[in-house]
Amino acid sequence: MKRMQAVIAVIGLSMALATPAWCDEAAAPAEADAAPPATTISQDTYKIGVDDIVQVSVWRNPELGITVPVRPDGMISVPLVGDVLAGGRTPIQVASTIQKGLATYVRDPQVAVILTELRSHEYLSRVRVTGAVRQPISIPYRPGMTVLDAVLAAGGVTEFASANRSNLYRRNGDTTLPYPIKLDRILKRGDLSTNMNVAPGDVITIPERVL
């Protein structure tokens, strides 16, 4: 009897060792849906804004490193260098300026500027609806958002709106370009020919009728 129990124990152990890993995974409780990957901001192209937090590191000179917010004037204060313009520039450009400023004091300085908090990014990415709407608003941009989505989020137009004279304003380099929106046709006729996809930073303006 004892011999039979020993044989059964050995067989059970062998089966446990032979169980493939996928069986354990299948038996494990399902994890919650994985969160989508965080939106990444390119350090090469992202332009630093006011209130963004930047970390400046100098290789082999940790005492010169700082982590500071960008001031309202767009500047940051760096040890030995003083005020450096960060607003409107990329981290690589800021690092190059600091590196040149430190060259007087440090031999062959190697500087890295890293964004640790993108506080200004939220505002740069918003879409704004103004004029003859129920509630002028500033809303976060979402991929796929259209003019109609933004206007409905503002509660729709008022009875005084001249909806077909609406415009979407969009920055293009150093200029702002208007795009006519026939909002009355969108709302009343379902004509979506001017129901443009919006982009971060767009402003939609609905004027009032001239009495």
Foldseek 3Di string as FASTA:
>chain_A
DVVVVVVVVVVVVVVVVPDDPVVVVVPDDDDDPDDPDDDDDDLQPDQAAAQFWKWKDKPPCRVFIDIDGQHPVQWDQTPQQGTFRRGRHGQVVRQVVVQVSCVVPDPNIDMGMDTDGRPCVQQQQWEWEDEQAQATDIGGDDPPAWPVNRRVVSVHGDPQWPQQQKWKWDDDPPDIDTDGAHRCCCVPVVPCPRRGRDGGPIYIYIYGDDD
